[in-house]
Amino acid sequence: MTNYLISFPASAMDVPADELAAVGEAARQVVREAKAAGVYVFGGGINADAAPLMVASDGSAIQATYPQTAEFDGGFCVLRLPSREAAILWAAKIAKACRCSQELREFGDDPES
């Protein structure tokens, strides 16, 4: 089994305000389905109100981010699935529920984690 990250940036969701509740419920339904199937690991959304911190090896922290991730926001979930094909099917369910395309990434296997 492999862990897959399925995510989208906040800007990808172009949903009218009066439809947000329906989109939220549709997304929660997919999460419930993933939990019932035993493939859900965890998920959520990036809290845009909490600024990112860069934490150095000496433990010091500053409010900053890598330039490549300055726009990192939106929602995500991690699913543990038997194949990339299964991950694509789940990503499609999430895309339909959230009404936006999803990015699919595979975690590398590390026997220590």
Protein backbone atom coordinates (compact mmCIF):
# COMPACT_ATOMS: atom_id res chain seq x y z
CA MET A 1 0.00 0.00 0.00
CA THR A 2 1.20 3.48 -0.85
CA ASN A 3 0.26 6.87 0.58
CA TYR A 4 -0.98 9.43 -1.94
CA LEU A 5 -1.37 13.17 -1.43
CA ILE A 6 -4.42 14.60 -3.20
CA SER A 7 -4.56 18.39 -3.04
CA PHE A 8 -5.65 21.64 -4.62
CA PRO A 9 -4.79 25.33 -4.14
CA ALA A 10 -7.51 27.56 -2.75
CA SER A 11 -7.55 29.59 -5.96
CA ALA A 12 -8.67 26.51 -7.92
CA MET A 13 -12.05 26.52 -6.21
CA ASP A 14 -14.19 28.99 -8.10
CA VAL A 15 -17.51 28.22 -6.46
CA PRO A 16 -20.31 30.74 -5.90
CA ALA A 17 -20.81 31.58 -2.21
CA ASP A 18 -24.31 30.12 -2.18
CA GLU A 19 -22.92 26.74 -3.32
CA LEU A 20 -20.05 26.46 -0.81
CA ALA A 21 -22.14 24.54 1.72
CA ALA A 22 -23.08 21.94 -0.90
CA VAL A 23 -19.44 21.60 -1.99
CA GLY A 24 -18.36 21.18 1.63
CA GLU A 25 -20.93 18.46 2.21
CA ALA A 26 -19.95 16.68 -1.01
CA ALA A 27 -16.30 16.74 0.07
CA ARG A 28 -17.17 15.44 3.55
CA GLN A 29 -19.16 12.64 1.91
CA VAL A 30 -16.07 11.54 -0.03
CA VAL A 31 -14.05 11.63 3.21
CA ARG A 32 -16.70 9.48 4.92
CA GLU A 33 -16.55 7.06 1.98
CA ALA A 34 -12.73 6.90 2.20
CA LYS A 35 -12.92 6.27 5.96
CA ALA A 36 -15.49 3.51 5.46
CA ALA A 37 -13.22 1.93 2.84
CA GLY A 38 -10.31 2.05 5.28
CA VAL A 39 -8.09 4.15 2.98
CA TYR A 40 -8.25 7.54 4.72
CA VAL A 41 -5.06 8.58 6.53
CA PHE A 42 -5.69 12.28 7.25
CA GLY A 43 -6.66 15.52 5.56
CA GLY A 44 -7.63 19.11 6.04
CA GLY A 45 -6.97 22.57 4.77
CA ILE A 46 -4.08 24.95 5.20
CA ASN A 47 -4.98 27.66 7.74
CA ALA A 48 -4.47 30.88 5.77
CA ASP A 49 -4.68 32.92 9.00
CA ALA A 50 -1.51 31.32 10.42
CA ALA A 51 1.62 32.63 8.73
CA PRO A 52 4.22 30.06 7.68
CA LEU A 53 7.44 29.87 9.69
CA MET A 54 10.91 28.85 8.60
CA VAL A 55 12.50 26.87 11.42
CA ALA A 56 16.29 26.53 11.22
CA SER A 57 18.39 23.62 12.43
CA ASP A 58 19.28 25.63 15.56
CA GLY A 59 15.58 25.95 16.40
CA SER A 60 15.27 29.63 15.53
CA ALA A 61 12.11 30.59 13.65
CA ILE A 62 11.19 33.49 11.41
CA GLN A 63 8.01 34.32 9.57
CA ALA A 64 8.98 33.29 6.06
CA THR A 65 8.57 30.57 3.47
CA TYR A 66 10.43 29.07 0.57
CA PRO A 67 9.74 31.16 -2.54
CA GLN A 68 8.37 28.08 -4.33
CA THR A 69 5.69 27.58 -1.66
CA ALA A 70 4.64 31.18 -1.04
CA GLU A 71 1.22 30.34 -2.52
CA PHE A 72 0.79 27.02 -0.68
CA ASP A 73 -2.80 26.95 0.52
CA GLY A 74 -5.99 25.04 -0.07
CA GLY A 75 -7.08 21.56 0.91
CA PHE A 76 -5.54 18.13 0.91
CA CYS A 77 -5.94 14.55 2.02
CA VAL A 78 -3.66 11.57 2.29
CA LEU A 79 -5.05 8.19 1.29
CA ARG A 80 -3.34 4.79 1.59
CA LEU A 81 -4.15 2.90 -1.58
CA PRO A 82 -3.07 -0.27 -3.40
CA SER A 83 -2.25 1.37 -6.74
CA ARG A 84 -1.86 4.60 -8.69
CA GLU A 85 -5.00 3.66 -10.61
CA ALA A 86 -6.96 3.54 -7.34
CA ALA A 87 -5.48 6.92 -6.38
CA ILE A 88 -6.64 8.41 -9.68
CA LEU A 89 -10.18 7.15 -9.02
CA TRP A 90 -10.23 8.72 -5.54
CA ALA A 91 -8.73 11.97 -6.87
CA ALA A 92 -11.55 12.07 -9.45
CA LYS A 93 -14.15 11.66 -6.68
CA ILE A 94 -12.59 14.53 -4.76
CA ALA A 95 -12.34 16.67 -7.90
CA LYS A 96 -16.04 16.14 -8.57
CA ALA A 97 -16.97 16.99 -4.97
CA CYS A 98 -14.74 20.08 -4.79
CA ARG A 99 -15.49 21.14 -8.36
CA CYS A 100 -11.82 21.61 -9.20
CA SER A 101 -8.93 19.53 -10.47
CA GLN A 102 -6.78 17.74 -7.92
CA GLU A 103 -3.03 17.27 -7.87
CA LEU A 104 -1.94 13.71 -7.16
CA ARG A 105 1.45 12.91 -5.64
CA GLU A 106 2.88 9.65 -4.38
CA PHE A 107 4.85 9.43 -1.15
CA GLY A 108 8.12 7.55 -1.29
CA ASP A 109 8.33 4.36 0.73
CA ASP A 110 10.49 4.66 3.83
CA PRO A 111 10.53 1.57 6.08
CA GLU A 112 11.46 3.77 9.07
CA SER A 113 8.32 5.91 8.87
